[in-house]
Amino acid sequence: MNAHIIRQFPLFANLPEAEFNILSESLKECHFQADEIVLEEGSLSEYFYLLLEGEAEIIKSLGTADERVVAVSGKGSIIGEMSMFSKDGAHTAGVRARTPLTLLRITFDQFDAVLHRYPPLAYDLLRLYSSRLENSESLTIRDLREKNRQLTLAYHELRAAQAAMIEKEKLEHELELAAKIQQGILPEKLPVYPGLDFGSLMIPARHVGGDFYDLIPLDDHRIGLVVGDVCDKGMPAALFMALSYSAARAEALRHNRPGDTVRAINRQLLQINRSGMFVTLLFGILDRRTCQFDYARAGHPSPLVLDGQNQPVEIHYRLGQPVGLLEDIVIDEQSIQVPPGGTMLVYSDGLSETVEANKDGPSLSHLCSTTLDRGHVTAQGLCDELWRVVSELSPDASIPDDFTLIVLRNLMPAGAWLTPSSI
């Protein structure tokens, strides 16, 4: 082997010509393919390498989850000589070929002989180790700075996440309180009258909703029924719902005709509405002696009435506009009769639109008919059954809109209207 090849290694640059010739005759050329292991960390050997061509990775914890490339050595580097000075003679790191390698192998005995013949080589070796140590320290400092930067970033992200979590928990607590308050607004008990069976159910799509309902005793034989649906969901809708509910209850006690009540509610909401929200509303007065239901509909779904054979009764309707937007609104005013053995549903579109969206399924009237045909179904039982159907039709048990329903069942036989003496 030509001596000039060895001169490219800084460690041997100052060797006398005679030593170059001795080394060039004793070195053995070796070859490794890319990704091939040259040295294993902790292994013992009696030689090290001079790197002629290619690049090699110096690796700690080779082949483990903690594997880390600490350096990349190129042409002119020395590999594996540190084990010659370690206490147990083991390699302190692993070496893997990044590219195809051409190496010269030198034994420890050969190198020790050169040191004895030419002691100044020891100083060159110390300078090499000093340079390596300096580079290693610089790399360690850079690595520590990067880890410190990452830890600082992670710390700030953790603090932000904790603050967001606390804020989320506070918001959830506030929403739970709002939901309890909203549920507290709704009637605690339904009216109990001879021959009549009431049921009701409201399920908000979120913690709080924009739907509301009420059953308001007006005198000894009249009951006000109201169902409203604010045009949004969540907290804004819940606040506007509370205002609409209060207006409905107050105005129901001041007027005898449902249309007058709805117009008065509209005037109240117009005075306080700065958000552009609106409410669809159905308010009616039920005469419990005759089961006549006079109602005013403001953009809300029409009631559904089933006769004594659980068949739908045709109801004519006209245009009705929501309250809270226009001063002179158009209202659909109607009067219907709930026949003996019949049933009436007053509901929000969270029920009707969910059922109608299922194109292959039965209509709302058909669902009610088949449920009632089973016999001995209470008004509350019908509410619960319809909610079961709606919840099953909703993906991921998340309903798209608030579900609100009042059911009245007329249990009186034909011709047995209540008289004043029986009230």
Protein backbone atom coordinates (compact mmCIF):
# COMPACT_ATOMS: atom_id res chain seq x y z
CA MET A 1 0.00 0.00 0.00
CA ASN A 2 1.35 3.48 -0.86
CA ALA A 3 2.53 5.46 2.16
CA HIS A 4 0.87 8.64 0.87
CA ILE A 5 -2.56 7.11 1.60
CA ILE A 6 -1.78 7.10 5.33
CA ARG A 7 -0.64 10.75 5.20
CA GLN A 8 -4.26 11.88 4.65
CA PHE A 9 -4.94 11.06 8.32
CA PRO A 10 -3.95 14.07 10.52
CA LEU A 11 -2.84 11.79 13.35
CA PHE A 12 -0.05 10.32 11.20
CA ALA A 13 0.84 13.48 9.26
CA ASN A 14 4.09 14.03 11.19
CA LEU A 15 5.37 10.42 11.19
CA PRO A 16 8.85 9.86 9.78
CA GLU A 17 9.06 8.26 6.35
CA ALA A 18 10.29 4.99 7.79
CA GLU A 19 7.23 4.68 10.02
CA PHE A 20 4.95 5.35 7.03
CA ASN A 21 6.57 2.52 5.19
CA ILE A 22 6.19 0.11 8.14
CA LEU A 23 2.52 1.01 8.57
CA SER A 24 1.70 0.79 4.88
CA GLU A 25 3.00 -2.79 4.84
CA SER A 26 1.07 -3.90 7.95
CA LEU A 27 -2.39 -2.38 7.37
CA LYS A 28 -5.24 -4.51 5.99
CA GLU A 29 -7.91 -3.06 3.69
CA CYS A 30 -11.57 -3.86 4.62
CA HIS A 31 -14.93 -3.14 3.00
CA PHE A 32 -18.46 -2.76 4.43
CA GLN A 33 -21.80 -2.25 2.70
CA ALA A 34 -24.31 0.49 3.66
CA ASP A 35 -26.18 -0.29 6.92
CA GLU A 36 -23.65 -2.98 7.85
CA ILE A 37 -22.41 -2.95 11.46
CA VAL A 38 -18.69 -2.21 11.69
CA LEU A 39 -18.31 -2.24 15.50
CA GLU A 40 -20.76 -3.04 18.29
CA GLU A 41 -20.92 -1.02 21.48
CA GLY A 42 -19.48 -3.02 24.40
CA SER A 43 -17.72 -5.55 22.16
CA LEU A 44 -14.00 -6.38 22.49
CA SER A 45 -11.47 -6.28 19.67
CA GLU A 46 -7.75 -5.89 19.10
CA TYR A 47 -7.88 -3.40 16.27
CA PHE A 48 -9.34 -0.14 15.02
CA TYR A 49 -9.96 1.42 11.61
CA LEU A 50 -8.77 4.24 9.41
CA LEU A 51 -11.64 5.44 7.18
CA LEU A 52 -10.55 5.87 3.55
CA GLU A 53 -13.88 6.27 1.73
CA GLY A 54 -17.52 6.72 2.74
CA GLU A 55 -19.40 7.84 5.85
CA ALA A 56 -19.97 5.98 9.12
CA GLU A 57 -22.45 6.68 11.94
CA ILE A 58 -21.22 6.65 15.53
CA ILE A 59 -24.17 5.35 17.55
CA LYS A 60 -25.02 4.98 21.25
CA SER A 61 -27.48 2.25 22.35
CA LEU A 62 -27.46 0.69 18.89
CA GLY A 63 -30.53 -1.43 18.15
CA THR A 64 -32.55 -0.21 21.16
CA ALA A 65 -35.43 2.25 21.62
CA ASP A 66 -32.85 4.79 22.88
CA GLU A 67 -30.65 4.52 19.78
CA ARG A 68 -29.00 7.86 19.03
CA VAL A 69 -26.52 8.93 16.33
CA VAL A 70 -23.91 11.05 18.12
CA ALA A 71 -21.64 11.76 15.14
CA VAL A 72 -20.99 11.01 11.49
CA SER A 73 -17.38 10.27 10.54
CA GLY A 74 -16.06 10.82 7.04
CA LYS A 75 -12.90 10.30 5.01
CA GLY A 76 -9.73 10.68 7.11
CA SER A 77 -11.38 9.68 10.40
CA ILE A 78 -10.19 7.09 12.91
CA ILE A 79 -12.79 4.64 14.24
CA GLY A 80 -12.70 2.42 17.31
CA GLU A 81 -9.33 3.39 18.76
CA MET A 82 -10.85 4.52 22.10
CA SER A 83 -11.29 0.91 23.23
CA MET A 84 -7.48 0.61 23.29
CA PHE A 85 -7.47 2.97 26.28
CA SER A 86 -10.67 1.88 28.04
CA LYS A 87 -10.39 -0.11 31.26
CA ASP A 88 -12.00 -3.29 29.94
CA GLY A 89 -11.02 -2.81 26.29
CA ALA A 90 -14.67 -2.57 25.15
CA HIS A 91 -15.89 -0.21 22.44
CA THR A 92 -17.75 2.78 23.92
CA ALA A 93 -20.08 3.21 20.91
CA GLY A 94 -21.33 1.29 17.92
CA VAL A 95 -20.43 2.06 14.31
CA ARG A 96 -22.72 1.51 11.32
CA ALA A 97 -21.93 2.17 7.66
CA ARG A 98 -24.06 5.02 6.31
CA THR A 99 -22.58 4.47 2.83
CA PRO A 100 -20.28 1.77 1.43
CA LEU A 101 -16.98 2.00 3.34
CA THR A 102 -13.35 1.38 2.56
CA LEU A 103 -11.29 1.01 5.75
CA LEU A 104 -7.74 0.21 6.82
CA ARG A 105 -7.50 -2.04 9.85
CA ILE A 106 -4.62 -1.51 12.30
CA THR A 107 -4.07 -3.69 15.35
CA PHE A 108 -3.45 -2.28 18.81
CA ASP A 109 -0.04 -3.98 18.87
CA GLN A 110 0.96 -2.31 15.62
CA PHE A 111 -0.11 1.08 16.90
CA ASP A 112 1.62 0.52 20.27
CA ALA A 113 4.84 -0.33 18.46
CA VAL A 114 4.68 2.94 16.50
CA LEU A 115 4.12 4.86 19.77
CA HIS A 116 7.21 3.29 21.27
CA ARG A 117 9.36 4.02 18.23
CA TYR A 118 7.98 7.54 17.78
CA PRO A 119 6.75 9.00 21.17
CA PRO A 120 5.70 12.41 19.67
CA LEU A 121 2.75 10.51 18.15
CA ALA A 122 1.27 10.45 21.66
CA TYR A 123 1.02 14.26 21.62
CA ASP A 124 -0.72 14.15 18.24
CA LEU A 125 -3.11 11.56 19.68
CA LEU A 126 -3.85 13.81 22.68
CA ARG A 127 -4.52 16.74 20.35
CA LEU A 128 -6.92 14.50 18.37
CA TYR A 129 -8.77 13.51 21.55
CA SER A 130 -8.84 17.12 22.74
CA SER A 131 -10.41 18.19 19.45
CA ARG A 132 -12.91 15.35 19.69
CA LEU A 133 -13.75 16.27 23.28
CA GLU A 134 -14.27 19.89 22.30
CA ASN A 135 -16.55 18.87 19.44
CA SER A 136 -18.38 16.43 21.69
CA GLU A 137 -18.90 19.11 24.34
CA SER A 138 -20.17 21.54 21.73
CA LEU A 139 -22.55 18.88 20.43
CA THR A 140 -23.68 18.09 23.99
CA ILE A 141 -24.26 21.77 24.74
CA ARG A 142 -26.25 22.21 21.54
CA ASP A 143 -28.22 19.08 22.36
CA LEU A 144 -28.91 20.29 25.91
CA ARG A 145 -29.95 23.71 24.64
CA GLU A 146 -32.35 22.08 22.18
CA LYS A 147 -33.74 19.82 24.90
CA ASN A 148 -34.07 22.83 27.20
CA ARG A 149 -35.90 24.72 24.43
CA GLN A 150 -38.23 21.77 23.92
CA LEU A 151 -38.81 21.42 27.67
CA THR A 152 -39.57 25.14 27.94
CA LEU A 153 -41.97 24.92 25.03
CA ALA A 154 -43.59 21.81 26.53
CA TYR A 155 -43.88 23.59 29.90
CA HIS A 156 -45.65 26.57 28.34
CA GLU A 157 -47.89 24.26 26.32
CA LEU A 158 -48.70 22.32 29.50
CA ARG A 159 -49.57 25.53 31.34
CA ALA A 160 -51.76 26.64 28.44
CA ALA A 161 -53.43 23.22 28.34
CA GLN A 162 -54.03 23.31 32.09
CA ALA A 163 -55.52 26.80 31.83
CA ALA A 164 -57.72 25.67 28.94
CA MET A 165 -58.76 22.59 30.92
CA ILE A 166 -59.67 24.72 33.95
CA GLU A 167 -61.59 27.11 31.73
CA LYS A 168 -63.35 24.17 30.06
CA GLU A 169 -64.29 22.71 33.44
CA LYS A 170 -65.62 26.11 34.58
CA LEU A 171 -67.62 26.44 31.36
CA GLU A 172 -69.01 22.93 31.71
CA HIS A 173 -69.98 23.68 35.31
CA GLU A 174 -71.69 26.87 34.24
CA LEU A 175 -73.50 25.02 31.46
CA GLU A 176 -74.65 22.37 33.93
CA LEU A 177 -75.99 25.12 36.20
CA ALA A 178 -77.67 26.78 33.22
CA ALA A 179 -79.24 23.45 32.26
CA LYS A 180 -80.58 23.00 35.81
CA ILE A 181 -81.96 26.53 35.79
CA GLN A 182 -83.58 25.95 32.42
CA GLN A 183 -85.11 22.67 33.57
CA GLY A 184 -86.35 24.52 36.66
CA ILE A 185 -88.28 26.92 34.43
CA LEU A 186 -90.32 24.09 32.93
CA PRO A 187 -93.43 22.79 34.71
CA GLU A 188 -92.61 20.53 37.66
CA LYS A 189 -95.98 18.76 37.44
CA LEU A 190 -98.50 18.34 34.68
CA PRO A 191 -102.19 19.14 35.20
CA VAL A 192 -104.35 16.33 36.57
CA TYR A 193 -107.99 16.48 35.44
CA PRO A 194 -110.69 13.82 35.20
CA GLY A 195 -110.75 12.23 31.76
CA LEU A 196 -107.53 13.91 30.56
CA ASP A 197 -104.00 12.53 30.44
CA PHE A 198 -101.03 14.84 29.85
CA GLY A 199 -97.45 13.97 29.00
CA SER A 200 -94.44 16.13 28.17
CA LEU A 201 -90.75 15.85 27.38
CA MET A 202 -87.98 18.26 26.43
CA ILE A 203 -84.44 17.12 25.51
CA PRO A 204 -81.99 19.87 24.50
CA ALA A 205 -79.53 19.14 21.69
CA ARG A 206 -76.76 20.65 23.83
CA HIS A 207 -76.41 21.36 27.56
CA VAL A 208 -79.04 24.03 27.19
CA GLY A 209 -81.53 24.59 24.42
CA GLY A 210 -83.78 27.09 22.74
CA ASP A 211 -87.04 25.15 23.09
CA PHE A 212 -89.57 25.68 25.86
CA TYR A 213 -93.06 24.61 26.79
CA ASP A 214 -95.59 25.40 29.48
CA LEU A 215 -99.06 24.45 30.66
CA ILE A 216 -100.71 27.47 32.28
CA PRO A 217 -103.97 27.20 34.28
CA LEU A 218 -106.07 30.20 33.16
CA ASP A 219 -109.25 29.52 35.14
CA ASP A 220 -111.21 26.53 36.45
CA HIS A 221 -111.70 24.98 33.02
CA ARG A 222 -109.16 26.54 30.63
CA ILE A 223 -105.49 25.63 30.25
CA GLY A 224 -102.93 27.52 28.17
CA LEU A 225 -100.52 25.31 26.21
CA VAL A 226 -97.42 26.87 24.67
CA VAL A 227 -94.45 25.39 22.79
CA GLY A 228 -91.69 27.66 21.46
CA ASP A 229 -88.52 27.15 19.47
CA VAL A 230 -85.80 29.81 19.34
CA CYS A 231 -83.93 30.00 16.03
CA ASP A 232 -80.60 28.85 17.49
CA LYS A 233 -79.14 26.39 20.00
CA GLY A 234 -76.79 26.70 22.96
CA MET A 235 -76.42 29.54 25.45
CA PRO A 236 -77.65 32.45 23.25
CA ALA A 237 -80.80 30.52 22.41
CA ALA A 238 -81.27 29.56 26.07
CA LEU A 239 -81.17 33.22 27.14
CA PHE A 240 -83.65 34.26 24.47
CA MET A 241 -85.77 31.22 25.36
CA ALA A 242 -86.02 32.46 28.98
CA LEU A 243 -87.19 35.86 27.78
CA SER A 244 -89.74 34.28 25.44
CA TYR A 245 -90.98 31.92 28.15
CA SER A 246 -91.51 34.79 30.60
CA ALA A 247 -93.34 36.84 27.97
CA ALA A 248 -95.58 33.91 27.06
CA ARG A 249 -96.56 33.18 30.67
CA ALA A 250 -97.23 36.84 31.44
CA GLU A 251 -99.29 37.55 28.32
CA ALA A 252 -101.28 34.30 28.55
CA LEU A 253 -102.86 35.56 31.78
CA ARG A 254 -103.80 38.94 30.25
CA HIS A 255 -105.70 37.90 27.11
CA ASN A 256 -108.63 35.63 26.30
CA ARG A 257 -107.80 34.92 22.67
CA PRO A 258 -104.64 33.00 21.64
CA GLY A 259 -104.00 35.37 18.72
CA ASP A 260 -103.98 38.38 21.04
CA THR A 261 -101.56 36.58 23.34
CA VAL A 262 -99.13 35.80 20.53
CA ARG A 263 -99.23 39.38 19.21
CA ALA A 264 -98.53 40.68 22.71
CA ILE A 265 -95.57 38.30 23.04
CA ASN A 266 -94.28 39.61 19.72
CA ARG A 267 -94.49 43.21 20.94
CA GLN A 268 -92.55 42.35 24.11
CA LEU A 269 -89.78 40.58 22.23
CA LEU A 270 -89.44 43.39 19.70
CA GLN A 271 -88.72 45.81 22.55
CA ILE A 272 -85.83 43.74 23.92
CA ASN A 273 -84.51 41.90 20.87
CA ARG A 274 -81.20 43.37 19.65
CA SER A 275 -79.71 40.12 18.37
CA GLY A 276 -81.97 39.44 15.38
CA MET A 277 -83.14 36.16 16.89
CA PHE A 278 -86.72 34.97 16.55
CA VAL A 279 -89.05 32.33 17.97
CA THR A 280 -91.53 30.01 16.34
CA LEU A 281 -94.46 29.66 18.69
CA LEU A 282 -97.71 27.85 19.15
CA PHE A 283 -100.01 29.04 21.92
CA GLY A 284 -103.43 27.56 22.47
CA ILE A 285 -106.21 27.43 25.03
CA LEU A 286 -107.70 24.05 25.87
CA ASP A 287 -111.22 23.90 27.28
CA ARG A 288 -110.98 20.77 29.40
CA ARG A 289 -114.76 20.39 29.48
CA THR A 290 -115.08 19.90 25.73
CA CYS A 291 -111.46 19.27 24.64
CA GLN A 292 -111.72 22.16 22.18
CA PHE A 293 -108.33 23.65 21.47
CA ASP A 294 -108.17 27.21 20.10
CA TYR A 295 -104.64 28.11 19.08
CA ALA A 296 -102.48 30.67 17.31
CA ARG A 297 -99.49 29.44 15.32
CA ALA A 298 -96.51 31.72 14.62
CA GLY A 299 -94.24 29.85 12.21
CA HIS A 300 -94.46 26.69 14.32
CA PRO A 301 -95.45 23.13 13.26
CA SER A 302 -99.20 22.49 13.38
CA PRO A 303 -100.58 20.19 16.08
CA LEU A 304 -101.13 16.55 15.24
CA VAL A 305 -104.55 15.15 16.23
CA LEU A 306 -105.53 11.46 16.13
CA ASP A 307 -109.13 10.30 16.50
CA GLY A 308 -110.49 7.52 18.72
CA GLN A 309 -109.23 4.91 16.22
CA ASN A 310 -105.76 6.48 16.29
CA GLN A 311 -106.10 7.83 12.76
CA PRO A 312 -104.89 11.36 11.89
CA VAL A 313 -107.47 14.14 11.73
CA GLU A 314 -107.05 16.60 8.87
CA ILE A 315 -106.14 20.10 10.04
CA HIS A 316 -106.24 23.10 7.72
CA TYR A 317 -103.60 25.72 8.23
CA ARG A 318 -102.51 29.09 6.90
CA LEU A 319 -99.31 31.11 6.90
CA GLY A 320 -97.83 31.93 10.29
CA GLN A 321 -94.76 34.11 10.88
CA PRO A 322 -92.30 33.79 13.83
CA VAL A 323 -92.38 36.30 16.67
CA GLY A 324 -89.59 38.71 17.54
CA LEU A 325 -88.78 40.08 14.07
CA LEU A 326 -91.76 41.91 12.50
CA GLU A 327 -94.17 44.39 14.05
CA ASP A 328 -97.28 43.33 12.13
CA ILE A 329 -96.94 39.54 11.95
CA VAL A 330 -99.30 37.12 10.23
CA ILE A 331 -100.64 34.45 12.58
CA ASP A 332 -102.44 31.22 11.78
CA GLU A 333 -105.46 31.06 14.15
CA GLN A 334 -107.39 27.80 14.29
CA SER A 335 -109.81 25.83 16.42
CA ILE A 336 -109.73 22.04 16.61
CA GLN A 337 -111.44 19.34 18.66
CA VAL A 338 -109.67 16.46 20.35
CA PRO A 339 -112.28 13.70 19.95
CA PRO A 340 -113.12 11.20 22.69
CA GLY A 341 -110.41 8.55 22.81
CA GLY A 342 -108.27 10.87 20.66
CA THR A 343 -104.78 12.25 21.09
CA MET A 344 -103.17 15.63 20.37
CA LEU A 345 -99.46 16.37 19.98
CA VAL A 346 -97.96 19.86 20.18
CA TYR A 347 -94.25 19.71 19.39
CA SER A 348 -91.17 21.43 17.99
CA ASP A 349 -89.49 20.56 14.69
CA GLY A 350 -86.81 18.60 16.57
CA LEU A 351 -89.38 15.79 16.51
CA SER A 352 -91.02 16.21 13.12
CA GLU A 353 -87.93 16.99 11.03
CA THR A 354 -85.92 14.11 12.49
CA VAL A 355 -88.70 11.65 11.70
CA GLU A 356 -89.32 13.09 8.23
CA ALA A 357 -85.60 12.99 7.43
CA ASN A 358 -85.82 9.20 7.54
CA LYS A 359 -87.24 8.80 4.02
CA ASP A 360 -87.70 5.04 4.33
CA GLY A 361 -89.32 5.20 7.76
CA PRO A 362 -92.90 5.78 8.88
CA SER A 363 -94.42 9.26 9.20
CA LEU A 364 -94.97 10.88 12.58
CA SER A 365 -98.72 10.16 12.48
CA HIS A 366 -98.05 6.52 11.59
CA LEU A 367 -95.55 6.19 14.45
CA CYS A 368 -98.13 7.55 16.87
CA SER A 369 -100.89 5.31 15.47
CA THR A 370 -98.86 2.10 15.73
CA THR A 371 -97.73 2.98 19.24
CA LEU A 372 -101.25 3.76 20.45
CA ASP A 373 -102.64 0.64 18.75
CA ARG A 374 -100.70 -1.45 21.24
CA GLY A 375 -103.22 -0.36 23.89
CA HIS A 376 -102.82 1.05 27.40
CA VAL A 377 -100.34 3.69 26.25
CA THR A 378 -100.29 6.80 28.44
CA ALA A 379 -99.56 10.29 27.15
CA GLN A 380 -96.16 10.16 28.85
CA GLY A 381 -95.56 6.71 27.38
CA LEU A 382 -96.12 8.10 23.90
CA CYS A 383 -93.63 10.93 24.62
CA ASP A 384 -91.02 8.43 25.75
CA GLU A 385 -91.56 6.17 22.74
CA LEU A 386 -91.22 9.02 20.25
CA TRP A 387 -88.02 10.16 21.98
CA ARG A 388 -86.65 6.61 21.70
CA VAL A 389 -87.32 6.64 17.96
CA VAL A 390 -85.73 10.08 17.48
CA SER A 391 -82.64 9.17 19.49
CA GLU A 392 -82.17 5.98 17.43
CA LEU A 393 -82.49 7.95 14.19
CA SER A 394 -79.85 10.46 15.29
CA PRO A 395 -76.21 9.53 14.51
CA ASP A 396 -73.87 9.02 17.48
CA ALA A 397 -76.80 9.62 19.85
CA SER A 398 -76.46 13.35 19.11
CA ILE A 399 -79.78 14.90 18.14
CA PRO A 400 -79.60 17.72 15.57
CA ASP A 401 -82.19 19.91 17.28
CA ASP A 402 -83.98 20.31 20.59
CA PHE A 403 -86.77 17.80 21.13
CA THR A 404 -89.94 19.19 22.75
CA LEU A 405 -93.35 17.55 22.98
CA ILE A 406 -96.67 17.90 24.82
CA VAL A 407 -99.19 15.07 24.47
CA LEU A 408 -102.86 15.20 25.49
CA ARG A 409 -105.03 12.09 25.52
CA ASN A 410 -108.81 12.52 25.80
CA LEU A 411 -109.91 9.50 27.83
CA MET A 412 -113.58 10.51 28.06
CA PRO A 413 -116.08 8.35 26.14
CA ALA A 414 -118.13 9.88 23.35
CA GLY A 415 -120.90 12.21 24.57
CA ALA A 416 -119.52 12.38 28.11
CA TRP A 417 -118.32 16.00 28.14
CA LEU A 418 -117.62 17.32 31.58
CA THR A 419 -120.33 19.51 33.11
CA PRO A 420 -119.73 22.33 35.58
CA SER A 421 -121.02 20.10 38.39
CA SER A 422 -118.43 17.44 37.64
CA ILE A 423 -115.43 19.77 37.43
